[in-house]
Amino acid sequence: MPISKSTYDLPPDAPPKAVKEDQIEYGFIGKLQSLKYEYRPDIRDRAALERNFREKFETLNRVNLSDGEFTRLLDEIVTPDVYTAARTLRERNTFVRDDGTPLNYTLVNIKDWCKNSFEVVNQLRINTDYSHHRYDVLILINGVPCVQIELKTLGISPKRAMEQIVEYKNDPGNGYSKTLLCFLQLFIVSNRTDTWYFANNNARHFAFNADERFLPIYQFADEANKKITHLDHFAETFLPKCTLGEAISRYMVLVASEQKLLMMRPYQVYAVKAIVDCIHQNGGNGYIWHTTGSGKTLTSFKASTLLKDNPDIEKCLFVVDRKDLDRQTREEFNRFQEGCVEENTNTGALVRRLLSSDYADKVIVTTIQKLGLALIETSKRNKQRSKSGQATYKEQLEPLSDKRIVFIFDECHRSQFGDNHEAIKTFFPKAQLFGFTGTPIFEKNATAKQFEGEEGQFKTTKDLFQKELHAYTITHAIEDTNVLRFHVDYYKPEGHNTKVPPPKPGEPLAKKAVIEAILAKHDTATAGRRFNAVLATASINDAIEYHGLFDELQKAKRAADPDFQPLNIACVFSPPAEGNADVNQLQQDLPQEKADNEVEPDKKKDALKAILAHYNARYGSNHSIGEFDLYYQDVQKRIKDQQWPNADFPAAKKIDIAIVVDMLLTGFDSKYLNTLYVDKNLKYHGLIQAFSRTNRVLNGSKPYGNILDFRQQQDSVDAAIALFSGENATEEERKIWLVDKAPVVIEKLDAAVQKLADFMQTQGLPCAPEAVPQLKGDDARAAFIKA
């Protein structure tokens, strides 16, 4: 049944008064009809909705239910628990009929969502015992309400519709929990020009507040990350039947550990599709440039799990370059899907899982070092096995050598530039290799450093992985508020004598001066210690000296001023390896620490023992060098547990500043880390990786990441921003990265105030709040808003 009212007879920029809400609604329905949705104006109440669902259910499952059976079926499947409903929607379920026989059924065609019926209804009224709500537009998939669209006029922000949905869901006995509306997966809100969408969830994951941003909301975008906000264009690109079915069935993640629905962002979906398409076409290798903090682990998880069901793929390996990232990635994968991957405690365990035909072992998370130990004939493990007369790991894996194996590398940089990568390509000639990186290696920032005694054979990410499959740079992420901007302050000593030249870029200041500056600025930078910080130092010796000086200076301040509250200082760097395989593996991604530990290793070890003793005394722990990894994990946990206020974890148990050399500057994520103090020279990807530790989004109390640079590295910062903004980035786009300095902000504020004053003068009014109600006419009020 075609509809008559349409917004498409009106220009896209029609003023608010020209387009009423019902015109937007019917125009939208018309757009869905053009996408082959069936409009059902006859479904306007709960009874009609349930009759339609029954008809579709019986057709899909080839069954005729009695009235009693259908009533029981509704009682079984309707639930206030959004997570349970989402699982029921996606799974094959069992219903016991009146005669005791089981009926295996699905609510929709889960094998091919495109083959479901797609219908659109509007102005559906659901009355329950306690609520009487009317819903603008609903999309039914096989009779099941899966998407709700709430529309507003141009003059009203779509965020009002978000708040309205939250209010509806919070009403006692609401239709969302008592009827088929429990199966809603997505909400879309729009005022025609501004369109957003978000996943349905249980109450604790479903609270909208403009300041705290508790509710993850999304704007759709094309493959080049250009926003699609107009309702017409959004419908054309996001709501074609197969696209919507795919979004719900393939690109939503049900997080079992949190009982939560997670919607993948557009750039994550494009990356997954690019990898899957490349594998389907057997089109070689590729890399995904997604900025640090953009959710690469979720993207790689989804790519891995989709490949799990590809019969042509023997195994999918997700490869990280450090033991701590191996653990972190496994925890994240298992958060997204419980029991998804197991730990490979050693190379032998990895080999057993590679040879296993168990479906659970099709996706494996491992380190590149374990792979290397298995595949390189001259590795220590293979030599030991050969010497004892056992088949080497490489010989055991021979049956897999001609199989199609997919390798997905996380942060595909330093550890890939050596023998391990070449061993994988040589042993698995049919393998396809994909890399994720937040900071690609280009010609400009490439190095050919020694790696395990061998010079790296590949210089750039492109050399290694052939082609870029998708890009989502930090510029895109900042624009989308997926990560924060940086506030960079280049420290200059106060009262610096103009006759004495300031420190040159890259030159260190006296450490005591650095500490005095940190002590003076830390509380302001971290919002009264609600957040914490990392101090990046140039060497292990520097870190040791800083740790001792902090202790000395804070004790002196406490003696002079009983009210002085010392900062909790931790220090973490790797110990001398001395044949320890775990430490050796760890140091492969810590070049400065590895080099430092080769000089006077006993002194480094003694210093680390003293640091551990200091840490143990402060926190009541019992860490030792022999179990260094446990200490490292504890430091990371205390940084992440900074949440304020937190009665269960008082300030005395937290870390205010962690002194580091290489550790924590890549791959470590904490929303409560907001400040980086820099006393080491950084360049290109190393600089961006270090800065990015501070820019994870939390809420309005964390507007940006703070960087206090004690080495005057503005040129290095500018060069890194230019390189990683993207190949075609403009100067304006690069400026997005940085927060304006105070003088610039003041200048902009003064200009804005003057512009407003000039406008008020044209109206014959003073520039004062009490004069605003005196503005005459809509044109004047609109001009005031724009001024």
Foldseek 3Di string as FASTA:
>chain_A
DQDDQACVVDDLPDDLVVDAFVSPLNNLQNLVVVLVAAEDAVAAEQVSLLVQLQVLFCVQQVHDADPVQSVVVFVVQQAQALLSNLVLQQDFDWGQHPVRDIRTGHSAPNVAQLPWHKHKYAQHWYDDPFDTDTFGMFIATSSQGAEGEAEHAPVDDQVVVLQVVLVQSPTPPHPCRNHSVVNHFKYWTANQQAIKMAGDHPPVQRDDDPFQRSGDIAFAADQQLHTDGGSSVCCVPCPNRRNVSCQSNQAWFQQVVVSTIHGDYNNLVLVLVLVVVCVVVLPAFAEAAEAPLLCVLVSVLSSQVVCLPVPQAQAEEEEEQAPVVLVVSVVVSCRRPNLQEDDQPALVSVLVLSPDNDSSSRYYYYYLVSLQCQQPCPHPQNVVCVVVVHHGSNRSCLVCQAGEYEYEYEQPPQVCQDDSVVSVCVSNVSYHYYYYHNFWFDPVNWDQDQFPNHTGPDTTPCSSGVYHRGHDHVLSCCVRVSWFFEAEAADWDPPDDPVDDTFAFFDFDPLLSLLVVCLVCQCVQQVNLLFAEEEAAAALVVLLVNVVSLVVVQVVVCVVPVPDDRAAEAEDDAAACPVPPNSVSNCSQVVRRNVRCVPPRVVSQVSVQVRVVVVCVQQVDDDHNVPRVVVVVLLLVLNQPSHPPDPVQDNSNHHRYYYYHQPPLADREHQRYAEYEYHGDDAAPSVSSNQRNHIRDGGNVRNHHYYYYHRPPPVRVVVNLVVRLDDPDDPVSSCSNYDDDPVVVVVVVVVVLVVLQVLCVVVVHGSDPVCLVVQDDPVSNVVNVVD
